[in-house]
């Protein structure tokens, strides 16, 4: 479960990073 939660957090971080780049653009 911790691994799954970690994967989800990593996906969120990746998504937020991509959204940040899109917002900057």
PDBML (XML) file of the C-alpha atoms, coordinates in Angstrom:
<?xml version="1.0" encoding="UTF-8" ?>
<PDBx:datablock datablockName="MODEL"
   xmlns:PDBx="http://pdbml.pdb.org/schema/pdbx-v50.xsd"
   xmlns:xsi="http://www.w3.org/2001/XMLSchema-instance"
   xsi:schemaLocation="http://pdbml.pdb.org/schema/pdbx-v50.xsd pdbx-v50.xsd">
   <PDBx:atom_siteCategory>
      <PDBx:atom_site id="1">
         <PDBx:B_iso_or_equiv>0.00</PDBx:B_iso_or_equiv>
         <PDBx:Cartn_x>0.000</PDBx:Cartn_x>
         <PDBx:Cartn_y>0.000</PDBx:Cartn_y>
         <PDBx:Cartn_z>0.000</PDBx:Cartn_z>
         <PDBx:auth_asym_id>A</PDBx:auth_asym_id>
         <PDBx:auth_atom_id>CA</PDBx:auth_atom_id>
         <PDBx:auth_comp_id>UNK</PDBx:auth_comp_id>
         <PDBx:auth_seq_id>1</PDBx:auth_seq_id>
         <PDBx:group_PDB>ATOM</PDBx:group_PDB>
         <PDBx:label_alt_id xsi:nil="true" />
         <PDBx:label_asym_id>A</PDBx:label_asym_id>
         <PDBx:label_atom_id>CA</PDBx:label_atom_id>
         <PDBx:label_comp_id>UNK</PDBx:label_comp_id>
         <PDBx:label_entity_id>1</PDBx:label_entity_id>
         <PDBx:label_seq_id>1</PDBx:label_seq_id>
         <PDBx:occupancy>1.00</PDBx:occupancy>
         <PDBx:pdbx_PDB_model_num>1</PDBx:pdbx_PDB_model_num>
         <PDBx:type_symbol>C</PDBx:type_symbol>
      </PDBx:atom_site>
      <PDBx:atom_site id="2">
         <PDBx:B_iso_or_equiv>0.00</PDBx:B_iso_or_equiv>
         <PDBx:Cartn_x>2.857</PDBx:Cartn_x>
         <PDBx:Cartn_y>2.393</PDBx:Cartn_y>
         <PDBx:Cartn_z>0.808</PDBx:Cartn_z>
         <PDBx:auth_asym_id>A</PDBx:auth_asym_id>
         <PDBx:auth_atom_id>CA</PDBx:auth_atom_id>
         <PDBx:auth_comp_id>UNK</PDBx:auth_comp_id>
         <PDBx:auth_seq_id>2</PDBx:auth_seq_id>
         <PDBx:group_PDB>ATOM</PDBx:group_PDB>
         <PDBx:label_alt_id xsi:nil="true" />
         <PDBx:label_asym_id>A</PDBx:label_asym_id>
         <PDBx:label_atom_id>CA</PDBx:label_atom_id>
         <PDBx:label_comp_id>UNK</PDBx:label_comp_id>
         <PDBx:label_entity_id>1</PDBx:label_entity_id>
         <PDBx:label_seq_id>2</PDBx:label_seq_id>
         <PDBx:occupancy>1.00</PDBx:occupancy>
         <PDBx:pdbx_PDB_model_num>1</PDBx:pdbx_PDB_model_num>
         <PDBx:type_symbol>C</PDBx:type_symbol>
      </PDBx:atom_site>
      <PDBx:atom_site id="3">
         <PDBx:B_iso_or_equiv>0.00</PDBx:B_iso_or_equiv>
         <PDBx:Cartn_x>4.436</PDBx:Cartn_x>
         <PDBx:Cartn_y>1.589</PDBx:Cartn_y>
         <PDBx:Cartn_z>-2.565</PDBx:Cartn_z>
         <PDBx:auth_asym_id>A</PDBx:auth_asym_id>
         <PDBx:auth_atom_id>CA</PDBx:auth_atom_id>
         <PDBx:auth_comp_id>UNK</PDBx:auth_comp_id>
         <PDBx:auth_seq_id>3</PDBx:auth_seq_id>
         <PDBx:group_PDB>ATOM</PDBx:group_PDB>
         <PDBx:label_alt_id xsi:nil="true" />
         <PDBx:label_asym_id>A</PDBx:label_asym_id>
         <PDBx:label_atom_id>CA</PDBx:label_atom_id>
         <PDBx:label_comp_id>UNK</PDBx:label_comp_id>
         <PDBx:label_entity_id>1</PDBx:label_entity_id>
         <PDBx:label_seq_id>3</PDBx:label_seq_id>
         <PDBx:occupancy>1.00</PDBx:occupancy>
         <PDBx:pdbx_PDB_model_num>1</PDBx:pdbx_PDB_model_num>
         <PDBx:type_symbol>C</PDBx:type_symbol>
      </PDBx:atom_site>
      <PDBx:atom_site id="4">
         <PDBx:B_iso_or_equiv>0.00</PDBx:B_iso_or_equiv>
         <PDBx:Cartn_x>1.101</PDBx:Cartn_x>
         <PDBx:Cartn_y>2.231</PDBx:Cartn_y>
         <PDBx:Cartn_z>-4.301</PDBx:Cartn_z>
         <PDBx:auth_asym_id>A</PDBx:auth_asym_id>
         <PDBx:auth_atom_id>CA</PDBx:auth_atom_id>
         <PDBx:auth_comp_id>UNK</PDBx:auth_comp_id>
         <PDBx:auth_seq_id>4</PDBx:auth_seq_id>
         <PDBx:group_PDB>ATOM</PDBx:group_PDB>
         <PDBx:label_alt_id xsi:nil="true" />
         <PDBx:label_asym_id>A</PDBx:label_asym_id>
         <PDBx:label_atom_id>CA</PDBx:label_atom_id>
         <PDBx:label_comp_id>UNK</PDBx:label_comp_id>
         <PDBx:label_entity_id>1</PDBx:label_entity_id>
         <PDBx:label_seq_id>4</PDBx:label_seq_id>
         <PDBx:occupancy>1.00</PDBx:occupancy>
         <PDBx:pdbx_PDB_model_num>1</PDBx:pdbx_PDB_model_num>
         <PDBx:type_symbol>C</PDBx:type_symbol>
      </PDBx:atom_site>
      <PDBx:atom_site id="5">
         <PDBx:B_iso_or_equiv>0.00</PDBx:B_iso_or_equiv>
         <PDBx:Cartn_x>0.711</PDBx:Cartn_x>
         <PDBx:Cartn_y>5.525</PDBx:Cartn_y>
         <PDBx:Cartn_z>-2.409</PDBx:Cartn_z>
         <PDBx:auth_asym_id>A</PDBx:auth_asym_id>
         <PDBx:auth_atom_id>CA</PDBx:auth_atom_id>
         <PDBx:auth_comp_id>UNK</PDBx:auth_comp_id>
         <PDBx:auth_seq_id>5</PDBx:auth_seq_id>
         <PDBx:group_PDB>ATOM</PDBx:group_PDB>
         <PDBx:label_alt_id xsi:nil="true" />
         <PDBx:label_asym_id>A</PDBx:label_asym_id>
         <PDBx:label_atom_id>CA</PDBx:label_atom_id>
         <PDBx:label_comp_id>UNK</PDBx:label_comp_id>
         <PDBx:label_entity_id>1</PDBx:label_entity_id>
         <PDBx:label_seq_id>5</PDBx:label_seq_id>
         <PDBx:occupancy>1.00</PDBx:occupancy>
         <PDBx:pdbx_PDB_model_num>1</PDBx:pdbx_PDB_model_num>
         <PDBx:type_symbol>C</PDBx:type_symbol>
      </PDBx:atom_site>
      <PDBx:atom_site id="6">
         <PDBx:B_iso_or_equiv>0.00</PDBx:B_iso_or_equiv>
         <PDBx:Cartn_x>4.289</PDBx:Cartn_x>
         <PDBx:Cartn_y>6.458</PDBx:Cartn_y>
         <PDBx:Cartn_z>-3.315</PDBx:Cartn_z>
         <PDBx:auth_asym_id>A</PDBx:auth_asym_id>
         <PDBx:auth_atom_id>CA</PDBx:auth_atom_id>
         <PDBx:auth_comp_id>UNK</PDBx:auth_comp_id>
         <PDBx:auth_seq_id>6</PDBx:auth_seq_id>
         <PDBx:group_PDB>ATOM</PDBx:group_PDB>
         <PDBx:label_alt_id xsi:nil="true" />
         <PDBx:label_asym_id>A</PDBx:label_asym_id>
         <PDBx:label_atom_id>CA</PDBx:label_atom_id>
         <PDBx:label_comp_id>UNK</PDBx:label_comp_id>
         <PDBx:label_entity_id>1</PDBx:label_entity_id>
         <PDBx:label_seq_id>6</PDBx:label_seq_id>
         <PDBx:occupancy>1.00</PDBx:occupancy>
         <PDBx:pdbx_PDB_model_num>1</PDBx:pdbx_PDB_model_num>
         <PDBx:type_symbol>C</PDBx:type_symbol>
      </PDBx:atom_site>
      <PDBx:atom_site id="7">
         <PDBx:B_iso_or_equiv>0.00</PDBx:B_iso_or_equiv>
         <PDBx:Cartn_x>3.573</PDBx:Cartn_x>
         <PDBx:Cartn_y>5.726</PDBx:Cartn_y>
         <PDBx:Cartn_z>-6.983</PDBx:Cartn_z>
         <PDBx:auth_asym_id>A</PDBx:auth_asym_id>
         <PDBx:auth_atom_id>CA</PDBx:auth_atom_id>
         <PDBx:auth_comp_id>UNK</PDBx:auth_comp_id>
         <PDBx:auth_seq_id>7</PDBx:auth_seq_id>
         <PDBx:group_PDB>ATOM</PDBx:group_PDB>
         <PDBx:label_alt_id xsi:nil="true" />
         <PDBx:label_asym_id>A</PDBx:label_asym_id>
         <PDBx:label_atom_id>CA</PDBx:label_atom_id>
         <PDBx:label_comp_id>UNK</PDBx:label_comp_id>
         <PDBx:label_entity_id>1</PDBx:label_entity_id>
         <PDBx:label_seq_id>7</PDBx:label_seq_id>
         <PDBx:occupancy>1.00</PDBx:occupancy>
         <PDBx:pdbx_PDB_model_num>1</PDBx:pdbx_PDB_model_num>
         <PDBx:type_symbol>C</PDBx:type_symbol>
      </PDBx:atom_site>
      <PDBx:atom_site id="8">
         <PDBx:B_iso_or_equiv>0.00</PDBx:B_iso_or_equiv>
         <PDBx:Cartn_x>0.448</PDBx:Cartn_x>
         <PDBx:Cartn_y>7.879</PDBx:Cartn_y>
         <PDBx:Cartn_z>-6.826</PDBx:Cartn_z>
         <PDBx:auth_asym_id>A</PDBx:auth_asym_id>
         <PDBx:auth_atom_id>CA</PDBx:auth_atom_id>
         <PDBx:auth_comp_id>UNK</PDBx:auth_comp_id>
         <PDBx:auth_seq_id>8</PDBx:auth_seq_id>
         <PDBx:group_PDB>ATOM</PDBx:group_PDB>
         <PDBx:label_alt_id xsi:nil="true" />
         <PDBx:label_asym_id>A</PDBx:label_asym_id>
         <PDBx:label_atom_id>CA</PDBx:label_atom_id>
         <PDBx:label_comp_id>UNK</PDBx:label_comp_id>
         <PDBx:label_entity_id>1</PDBx:label_entity_id>
         <PDBx:label_seq_id>8</PDBx:label_seq_id>
         <PDBx:occupancy>1.00</PDBx:occupancy>
         <PDBx:pdbx_PDB_model_num>1</PDBx:pdbx_PDB_model_num>
         <PDBx:type_symbol>C</PDBx:type_symbol>
      </PDBx:atom_site>
      <PDBx:atom_site id="9">
         <PDBx:B_iso_or_equiv>0.00</PDBx:B_iso_or_equiv>
         <PDBx:Cartn_x>2.384</PDBx:Cartn_x>
         <PDBx:Cartn_y>10.711</PDBx:Cartn_y>
         <PDBx:Cartn_z>-5.186</PDBx:Cartn_z>
         <PDBx:auth_asym_id>A</PDBx:auth_asym_id>
         <PDBx:auth_atom_id>CA</PDBx:auth_atom_id>
         <PDBx:auth_comp_id>UNK</PDBx:auth_comp_id>
         <PDBx:auth_seq_id>9</PDBx:auth_seq_id>
         <PDBx:group_PDB>ATOM</PDBx:group_PDB>
         <PDBx:label_alt_id xsi:nil="true" />
         <PDBx:label_asym_id>A</PDBx:label_asym_id>
         <PDBx:label_atom_id>CA</PDBx:label_atom_id>
         <PDBx:label_comp_id>UNK</PDBx:label_comp_id>
         <PDBx:label_entity_id>1</PDBx:label_entity_id>
         <PDBx:label_seq_id>9</PDBx:label_seq_id>
         <PDBx:occupancy>1.00</PDBx:occupancy>
         <PDBx:pdbx_PDB_model_num>1</PDBx:pdbx_PDB_model_num>
         <PDBx:type_symbol>C</PDBx:type_symbol>
      </PDBx:atom_site>
      <PDBx:atom_site id="10">
         <PDBx:B_iso_or_equiv>0.00</PDBx:B_iso_or_equiv>
         <PDBx:Cartn_x>5.060</PDBx:Cartn_x>
         <PDBx:Cartn_y>10.419</PDBx:Cartn_y>
         <PDBx:Cartn_z>-7.879</PDBx:Cartn_z>
         <PDBx:auth_asym_id>A</PDBx:auth_asym_id>
         <PDBx:auth_atom_id>CA</PDBx:auth_atom_id>
         <PDBx:auth_comp_id>UNK</PDBx:auth_comp_id>
         <PDBx:auth_seq_id>10</PDBx:auth_seq_id>
         <PDBx:group_PDB>ATOM</PDBx:group_PDB>
         <PDBx:label_alt_id xsi:nil="true" />
         <PDBx:label_asym_id>A</PDBx:label_asym_id>
         <PDBx:label_atom_id>CA</PDBx:label_atom_id>
         <PDBx:label_comp_id>UNK</PDBx:label_comp_id>
         <PDBx:label_entity_id>1</PDBx:label_entity_id>
         <PDBx:label_seq_id>10</PDBx:label_seq_id>
         <PDBx:occupancy>1.00</PDBx:occupancy>
         <PDBx:pdbx_PDB_model_num>1</PDBx:pdbx_PDB_model_num>
         <PDBx:type_symbol>C</PDBx:type_symbol>
      </PDBx:atom_site>
      <PDBx:atom_site id="11">
         <PDBx:B_iso_or_equiv>0.00</PDBx:B_iso_or_equiv>
         <PDBx:Cartn_x>2.353</PDBx:Cartn_x>
         <PDBx:Cartn_y>10.594</PDBx:Cartn_y>
         <PDBx:Cartn_z>-10.565</PDBx:Cartn_z>
         <PDBx:auth_asym_id>A</PDBx:auth_asym_id>
         <PDBx:auth_atom_id>CA</PDBx:auth_atom_id>
         <PDBx:auth_comp_id>UNK</PDBx:auth_comp_id>
         <PDBx:auth_seq_id>11</PDBx:auth_seq_id>
         <PDBx:group_PDB>ATOM</PDBx:group_PDB>
         <PDBx:label_alt_id xsi:nil="true" />
         <PDBx:label_asym_id>A</PDBx:label_asym_id>
         <PDBx:label_atom_id>CA</PDBx:label_atom_id>
         <PDBx:label_comp_id>UNK</PDBx:label_comp_id>
         <PDBx:label_entity_id>1</PDBx:label_entity_id>
         <PDBx:label_seq_id>11</PDBx:label_seq_id>
         <PDBx:occupancy>1.00</PDBx:occupancy>
         <PDBx:pdbx_PDB_model_num>1</PDBx:pdbx_PDB_model_num>
         <PDBx:type_symbol>C</PDBx:type_symbol>
      </PDBx:atom_site>
      <PDBx:atom_site id="12">
         <PDBx:B_iso_or_equiv>0.00</PDBx:B_iso_or_equiv>
         <PDBx:Cartn_x>0.891</PDBx:Cartn_x>
         <PDBx:Cartn_y>13.676</PDBx:Cartn_y>
         <PDBx:Cartn_z>-8.883</PDBx:Cartn_z>
         <PDBx:auth_asym_id>A</PDBx:auth_asym_id>
         <PDBx:auth_atom_id>CA</PDBx:auth_atom_id>
         <PDBx:auth_comp_id>UNK</PDBx:auth_comp_id>
         <PDBx:auth_seq_id>12</PDBx:auth_seq_id>
         <PDBx:group_PDB>ATOM</PDBx:group_PDB>
         <PDBx:label_alt_id xsi:nil="true" />
         <PDBx:label_asym_id>A</PDBx:label_asym_id>
         <PDBx:label_atom_id>CA</PDBx:label_atom_id>
         <PDBx:label_comp_id>UNK</PDBx:label_comp_id>
         <PDBx:label_entity_id>1</PDBx:label_entity_id>
         <PDBx:label_seq_id>12</PDBx:label_seq_id>
         <PDBx:occupancy>1.00</PDBx:occupancy>
         <PDBx:pdbx_PDB_model_num>1</PDBx:pdbx_PDB_model_num>
         <PDBx:type_symbol>C</PDBx:type_symbol>
      </PDBx:atom_site>
      <PDBx:atom_site id="13">
         <PDBx:B_iso_or_equiv>0.00</PDBx:B_iso_or_equiv>
         <PDBx:Cartn_x>4.298</PDBx:Cartn_x>
         <PDBx:Cartn_y>15.328</PDBx:Cartn_y>
         <PDBx:Cartn_z>-8.700</PDBx:Cartn_z>
         <PDBx:auth_asym_id>A</PDBx:auth_asym_id>
         <PDBx:auth_atom_id>CA</PDBx:auth_atom_id>
         <PDBx:auth_comp_id>UNK</PDBx:auth_comp_id>
         <PDBx:auth_seq_id>13</PDBx:auth_seq_id>
         <PDBx:group_PDB>ATOM</PDBx:group_PDB>
         <PDBx:label_alt_id xsi:nil="true" />
         <PDBx:label_asym_id>A</PDBx:label_asym_id>
         <PDBx:label_atom_id>CA</PDBx:label_atom_id>
         <PDBx:label_comp_id>UNK</PDBx:label_comp_id>
         <PDBx:label_entity_id>1</PDBx:label_entity_id>
         <PDBx:label_seq_id>13</PDBx:label_seq_id>
         <PDBx:occupancy>1.00</PDBx:occupancy>
         <PDBx:pdbx_PDB_model_num>1</PDBx:pdbx_PDB_model_num>
         <PDBx:type_symbol>C</PDBx:type_symbol>
      </PDBx:atom_site>
      <PDBx:atom_site id="14">
         <PDBx:B_iso_or_equiv>0.00</PDBx:B_iso_or_equiv>
         <PDBx:Cartn_x>4.882</PDBx:Cartn_x>
         <PDBx:Cartn_y>14.565</PDBx:Cartn_y>
         <PDBx:Cartn_z>-12.396</PDBx:Cartn_z>
         <PDBx:auth_asym_id>A</PDBx:auth_asym_id>
         <PDBx:auth_atom_id>CA</PDBx:auth_atom_id>
         <PDBx:auth_comp_id>UNK</PDBx:auth_comp_id>
         <PDBx:auth_seq_id>14</PDBx:auth_seq_id>
         <PDBx:group_PDB>ATOM</PDBx:group_PDB>
         <PDBx:label_alt_id xsi:nil="true" />
         <PDBx:label_asym_id>A</PDBx:label_asym_id>
         <PDBx:label_atom_id>CA</PDBx:label_atom_id>
         <PDBx:label_comp_id>UNK</PDBx:label_comp_id>
         <PDBx:label_entity_id>1</PDBx:label_entity_id>
         <PDBx:label_seq_id>14</PDBx:label_seq_id>
         <PDBx:occupancy>1.00</PDBx:occupancy>
         <PDBx:pdbx_PDB_model_num>1</PDBx:pdbx_PDB_model_num>
         <PDBx:type_symbol>C</PDBx:type_symbol>
      </PDBx:atom_site>
      <PDBx:atom_site id="15">
         <PDBx:B_iso_or_equiv>0.00</PDBx:B_iso_or_equiv>
         <PDBx:Cartn_x>1.431</PDBx:Cartn_x>
         <PDBx:Cartn_y>15.871</PDBx:Cartn_y>
         <PDBx:Cartn_z>-13.321</PDBx:Cartn_z>
         <PDBx:auth_asym_id>A</PDBx:auth_asym_id>
         <PDBx:auth_atom_id>CA</PDBx:auth_atom_id>
         <PDBx:auth_comp_id>UNK</PDBx:auth_comp_id>
         <PDBx:auth_seq_id>15</PDBx:auth_seq_id>
         <PDBx:group_PDB>ATOM</PDBx:group_PDB>
         <PDBx:label_alt_id xsi:nil="true" />
         <PDBx:label_asym_id>A</PDBx:label_asym_id>
         <PDBx:label_atom_id>CA</PDBx:label_atom_id>
         <PDBx:label_comp_id>UNK</PDBx:label_comp_id>
         <PDBx:label_entity_id>1</PDBx:label_entity_id>
         <PDBx:label_seq_id>15</PDBx:label_seq_id>
         <PDBx:occupancy>1.00</PDBx:occupancy>
         <PDBx:pdbx_PDB_model_num>1</PDBx:pdbx_PDB_model_num>
         <PDBx:type_symbol>C</PDBx:type_symbol>
      </PDBx:atom_site>
      <PDBx:atom_site id="16">
         <PDBx:B_iso_or_equiv>0.00</PDBx:B_iso_or_equiv>
         <PDBx:Cartn_x>1.862</PDBx:Cartn_x>
         <PDBx:Cartn_y>19.029</PDBx:Cartn_y>
         <PDBx:Cartn_z>-11.242</PDBx:Cartn_z>
         <PDBx:auth_asym_id>A</PDBx:auth_asym_id>
         <PDBx:auth_atom_id>CA</PDBx:auth_atom_id>
         <PDBx:auth_comp_id>UNK</PDBx:auth_comp_id>
         <PDBx:auth_seq_id>16</PDBx:auth_seq_id>
         <PDBx:group_PDB>ATOM</PDBx:group_PDB>
         <PDBx:label_alt_id xsi:nil="true" />
         <PDBx:label_asym_id>A</PDBx:label_asym_id>
         <PDBx:label_atom_id>CA</PDBx:label_atom_id>
         <PDBx:label_comp_id>UNK</PDBx:label_comp_id>
         <PDBx:label_entity_id>1</PDBx:label_entity_id>
         <PDBx:label_seq_id>16</PDBx:label_seq_id>
         <PDBx:occupancy>1.00</PDBx:occupancy>
         <PDBx:pdbx_PDB_model_num>1</PDBx:pdbx_PDB_model_num>
         <PDBx:type_symbol>C</PDBx:type_symbol>
      </PDBx:atom_site>
      <PDBx:atom_site id="17">
         <PDBx:B_iso_or_equiv>0.00</PDBx:B_iso_or_equiv>
         <PDBx:Cartn_x>5.274</PDBx:Cartn_x>
         <PDBx:Cartn_y>19.591</PDBx:Cartn_y>
         <PDBx:Cartn_z>-12.826</PDBx:Cartn_z>
         <PDBx:auth_asym_id>A</PDBx:auth_asym_id>
         <PDBx:auth_atom_id>CA</PDBx:auth_atom_id>
         <PDBx:auth_comp_id>UNK</PDBx:auth_comp_id>
         <PDBx:auth_seq_id>17</PDBx:auth_seq_id>
         <PDBx:group_PDB>ATOM</PDBx:group_PDB>
         <PDBx:label_alt_id xsi:nil="true" />
         <PDBx:label_asym_id>A</PDBx:label_asym_id>
         <PDBx:label_atom_id>CA</PDBx:label_atom_id>
         <PDBx:label_comp_id>UNK</PDBx:label_comp_id>
         <PDBx:label_entity_id>1</PDBx:label_entity_id>
         <PDBx:label_seq_id>17</PDBx:label_seq_id>
         <PDBx:occupancy>1.00</PDBx:occupancy>
         <PDBx:pdbx_PDB_model_num>1</PDBx:pdbx_PDB_model_num>
         <PDBx:type_symbol>C</PDBx:type_symbol>
      </PDBx:atom_site>
      <PDBx:atom_site id="18">
         <PDBx:B_iso_or_equiv>0.00</PDBx:B_iso_or_equiv>
         <PDBx:Cartn_x>3.802</PDBx:Cartn_x>
         <PDBx:Cartn_y>19.222</PDBx:Cartn_y>
         <PDBx:Cartn_z>-16.309</PDBx:Cartn_z>
         <PDBx:auth_asym_id>A</PDBx:auth_asym_id>
         <PDBx:auth_atom_id>CA</PDBx:auth_atom_id>
         <PDBx:auth_comp_id>UNK</PDBx:auth_comp_id>
         <PDBx:auth_seq_id>18</PDBx:auth_seq_id>
         <PDBx:group_PDB>ATOM</PDBx:group_PDB>
         <PDBx:label_alt_id xsi:nil="true" />
         <PDBx:label_asym_id>A</PDBx:label_asym_id>
         <PDBx:label_atom_id>CA</PDBx:label_atom_id>
         <PDBx:label_comp_id>UNK</PDBx:label_comp_id>
         <PDBx:label_entity_id>1</PDBx:label_entity_id>
         <PDBx:label_seq_id>18</PDBx:label_seq_id>
         <PDBx:occupancy>1.00</PDBx:occupancy>
         <PDBx:pdbx_PDB_model_num>1</PDBx:pdbx_PDB_model_num>
         <PDBx:type_symbol>C</PDBx:type_symbol>
      </PDBx:atom_site>
      <PDBx:atom_site id="19">
         <PDBx:B_iso_or_equiv>0.00</PDBx:B_iso_or_equiv>
         <PDBx:Cartn_x>0.969</PDBx:Cartn_x>
         <PDBx:Cartn_y>21.564</PDBx:Cartn_y>
         <PDBx:Cartn_z>-15.375</PDBx:Cartn_z>
         <PDBx:auth_asym_id>A</PDBx:auth_asym_id>
         <PDBx:auth_atom_id>CA</PDBx:auth_atom_id>
         <PDBx:auth_comp_id>UNK</PDBx:auth_comp_id>
         <PDBx:auth_seq_id>19</PDBx:auth_seq_id>
         <PDBx:group_PDB>ATOM</PDBx:group_PDB>
         <PDBx:label_alt_id xsi:nil="true" />
         <PDBx:label_asym_id>A</PDBx:label_asym_id>
         <PDBx:label_atom_id>CA</PDBx:label_atom_id>
         <PDBx:label_comp_id>UNK</PDBx:label_comp_id>
         <PDBx:label_entity_id>1</PDBx:label_entity_id>
         <PDBx:label_seq_id>19</PDBx:label_seq_id>
         <PDBx:occupancy>1.00</PDBx:occupancy>
         <PDBx:pdbx_PDB_model_num>1</PDBx:pdbx_PDB_model_num>
         <PDBx:type_symbol>C</PDBx:type_symbol>
      </PDBx:atom_site>
      <PDBx:atom_site id="20">
         <PDBx:B_iso_or_equiv>0.00</PDBx:B_iso_or_equiv>
         <PDBx:Cartn_x>3.501</PDBx:Cartn_x>
         <PDBx:Cartn_y>24.055</PDBx:Cartn_y>
         <PDBx:Cartn_z>-14.028</PDBx:Cartn_z>
         <PDBx:auth_asym_id>A</PDBx:auth_asym_id>
         <PDBx:auth_atom_id>CA</PDBx:auth_atom_id>
         <PDBx:auth_comp_id>UNK</PDBx:auth_comp_id>
         <PDBx:auth_seq_id>20</PDBx:auth_seq_id>
         <PDBx:group_PDB>ATOM</PDBx:group_PDB>
         <PDBx:label_alt_id xsi:nil="true" />
         <PDBx:label_asym_id>A</PDBx:label_asym_id>
         <PDBx:label_atom_id>CA</PDBx:label_atom_id>
         <PDBx:label_comp_id>UNK</PDBx:label_comp_id>
         <PDBx:label_entity_id>1</PDBx:label_entity_id>
         <PDBx:label_seq_id>20</PDBx:label_seq_id>
         <PDBx:occupancy>1.00</PDBx:occupancy>
         <PDBx:pdbx_PDB_model_num>1</PDBx:pdbx_PDB_model_num>
         <PDBx:type_symbol>C</PDBx:type_symbol>
      </PDBx:atom_site>
      <PDBx:atom_site id="21">
         <PDBx:B_iso_or_equiv>0.00</PDBx:B_iso_or_equiv>
         <PDBx:Cartn_x>5.342</PDBx:Cartn_x>
         <PDBx:Cartn_y>24.001</PDBx:Cartn_y>
         <PDBx:Cartn_z>-17.348</PDBx:Cartn_z>
         <PDBx:auth_asym_id>A</PDBx:auth_asym_id>
         <PDBx:auth_atom_id>CA</PDBx:auth_atom_id>
         <PDBx:auth_comp_id>UNK</PDBx:auth_comp_id>
         <PDBx:auth_seq_id>21</PDBx:auth_seq_id>
         <PDBx:group_PDB>ATOM</PDBx:group_PDB>
         <PDBx:label_alt_id xsi:nil="true" />
         <PDBx:label_asym_id>A</PDBx:label_asym_id>
         <PDBx:label_atom_id>CA</PDBx:label_atom_id>
         <PDBx:label_comp_id>UNK</PDBx:label_comp_id>
         <PDBx:label_entity_id>1</PDBx:label_entity_id>
         <PDBx:label_seq_id>21</PDBx:label_seq_id>
         <PDBx:occupancy>1.00</PDBx:occupancy>
         <PDBx:pdbx_PDB_model_num>1</PDBx:pdbx_PDB_model_num>
         <PDBx:type_symbol>C</PDBx:type_symbol>
      </PDBx:atom_site>
      <PDBx:atom_site id="22">
         <PDBx:B_iso_or_equiv>0.00</PDBx:B_iso_or_equiv>
         <PDBx:Cartn_x>2.058</PDBx:Cartn_x>
         <PDBx:Cartn_y>24.468</PDBx:Cartn_y>
         <PDBx:Cartn_z>-19.209</PDBx:Cartn_z>
         <PDBx:auth_asym_id>A</PDBx:auth_asym_id>
         <PDBx:auth_atom_id>CA</PDBx:auth_atom_id>
         <PDBx:auth_comp_id>UNK</PDBx:auth_comp_id>
         <PDBx:auth_seq_id>22</PDBx:auth_seq_id>
         <PDBx:group_PDB>ATOM</PDBx:group_PDB>
         <PDBx:label_alt_id xsi:nil="true" />
         <PDBx:label_asym_id>A</PDBx:label_asym_id>
         <PDBx:label_atom_id>CA</PDBx:label_atom_id>
         <PDBx:label_comp_id>UNK</PDBx:label_comp_id>
         <PDBx:label_entity_id>1</PDBx:label_entity_id>
         <PDBx:label_seq_id>22</PDBx:label_seq_id>
         <PDBx:occupancy>1.00</PDBx:occupancy>
         <PDBx:pdbx_PDB_model_num>1</PDBx:pdbx_PDB_model_num>
         <PDBx:type_symbol>C</PDBx:type_symbol>
      </PDBx:atom_site>
      <PDBx:atom_site id="23">
         <PDBx:B_iso_or_equiv>0.00</PDBx:B_iso_or_equiv>
         <PDBx:Cartn_x>1.125</PDBx:Cartn_x>
         <PDBx:Cartn_y>27.405</PDBx:Cartn_y>
         <PDBx:Cartn_z>-16.952</PDBx:Cartn_z>
         <PDBx:auth_asym_id>A</PDBx:auth_asym_id>
         <PDBx:auth_atom_id>CA</PDBx:auth_atom_id>
         <PDBx:auth_comp_id>UNK</PDBx:auth_comp_id>
         <PDBx:auth_seq_id>23</PDBx:auth_seq_id>
         <PDBx:group_PDB>ATOM</PDBx:group_PDB>
         <PDBx:label_alt_id xsi:nil="true" />
         <PDBx:label_asym_id>A</PDBx:label_asym_id>
         <PDBx:label_atom_id>CA</PDBx:label_atom_id>
         <PDBx:label_comp_id>UNK</PDBx:label_comp_id>
         <PDBx:label_entity_id>1</PDBx:label_entity_id>
         <PDBx:label_seq_id>23</PDBx:label_seq_id>
         <PDBx:occupancy>1.00</PDBx:occupancy>
         <PDBx:pdbx_PDB_model_num>1</PDBx:pdbx_PDB_model_num>
         <PDBx:type_symbol>C</PDBx:type_symbol>
      </PDBx:atom_site>
      <PDBx:atom_site id="24">
         <PDBx:B_iso_or_equiv>0.00</PDBx:B_iso_or_equiv>
         <PDBx:Cartn_x>4.557</PDBx:Cartn_x>
         <PDBx:Cartn_y>28.965</PDBx:Cartn_y>
         <PDBx:Cartn_z>-17.506</PDBx:Cartn_z>
         <PDBx:auth_asym_id>A</PDBx:auth_asym_id>
         <PDBx:auth_atom_id>CA</PDBx:auth_atom_id>
         <PDBx:auth_comp_id>UNK</PDBx:auth_comp_id>
         <PDBx:auth_seq_id>24</PDBx:auth_seq_id>
         <PDBx:group_PDB>ATOM</PDBx:group_PDB>
         <PDBx:label_alt_id xsi:nil="true" />
         <PDBx:label_asym_id>A</PDBx:label_asym_id>
         <PDBx:label_atom_id>CA</PDBx:label_atom_id>
         <PDBx:label_comp_id>UNK</PDBx:label_comp_id>
         <PDBx:label_entity_id>1</PDBx:label_entity_id>
         <PDBx:label_seq_id>24</PDBx:label_seq_id>
         <PDBx:occupancy>1.00</PDBx:occupancy>
         <PDBx:pdbx_PDB_model_num>1</PDBx:pdbx_PDB_model_num>
         <PDBx:type_symbol>C</PDBx:type_symbol>
      </PDBx:atom_site>
      <PDBx:atom_site id="25">
         <PDBx:B_iso_or_equiv>0.00</PDBx:B_iso_or_equiv>
         <PDBx:Cartn_x>4.134</PDBx:Cartn_x>
         <PDBx:Cartn_y>28.561</PDBx:Cartn_y>
         <PDBx:Cartn_z>-21.249</PDBx:Cartn_z>
         <PDBx:auth_asym_id>A</PDBx:auth_asym_id>
         <PDBx:auth_atom_id>CA</PDBx:auth_atom_id>
         <PDBx:auth_comp_id>UNK</PDBx:auth_comp_id>
         <PDBx:auth_seq_id>25</PDBx:auth_seq_id>
         <PDBx:group_PDB>ATOM</PDBx:group_PDB>
         <PDBx:label_alt_id xsi:nil="true" />
         <PDBx:label_asym_id>A</PDBx:label_asym_id>
         <PDBx:label_atom_id>CA</PDBx:label_atom_id>
         <PDBx:label_comp_id>UNK</PDBx:label_comp_id>
         <PDBx:label_entity_id>1</PDBx:label_entity_id>
         <PDBx:label_seq_id>25</PDBx:label_seq_id>
         <PDBx:occupancy>1.00</PDBx:occupancy>
         <PDBx:pdbx_PDB_model_num>1</PDBx:pdbx_PDB_model_num>
         <PDBx:type_symbol>C</PDBx:type_symbol>
      </PDBx:atom_site>
   </PDBx:atom_siteCategory>
</PDBx:datablock>
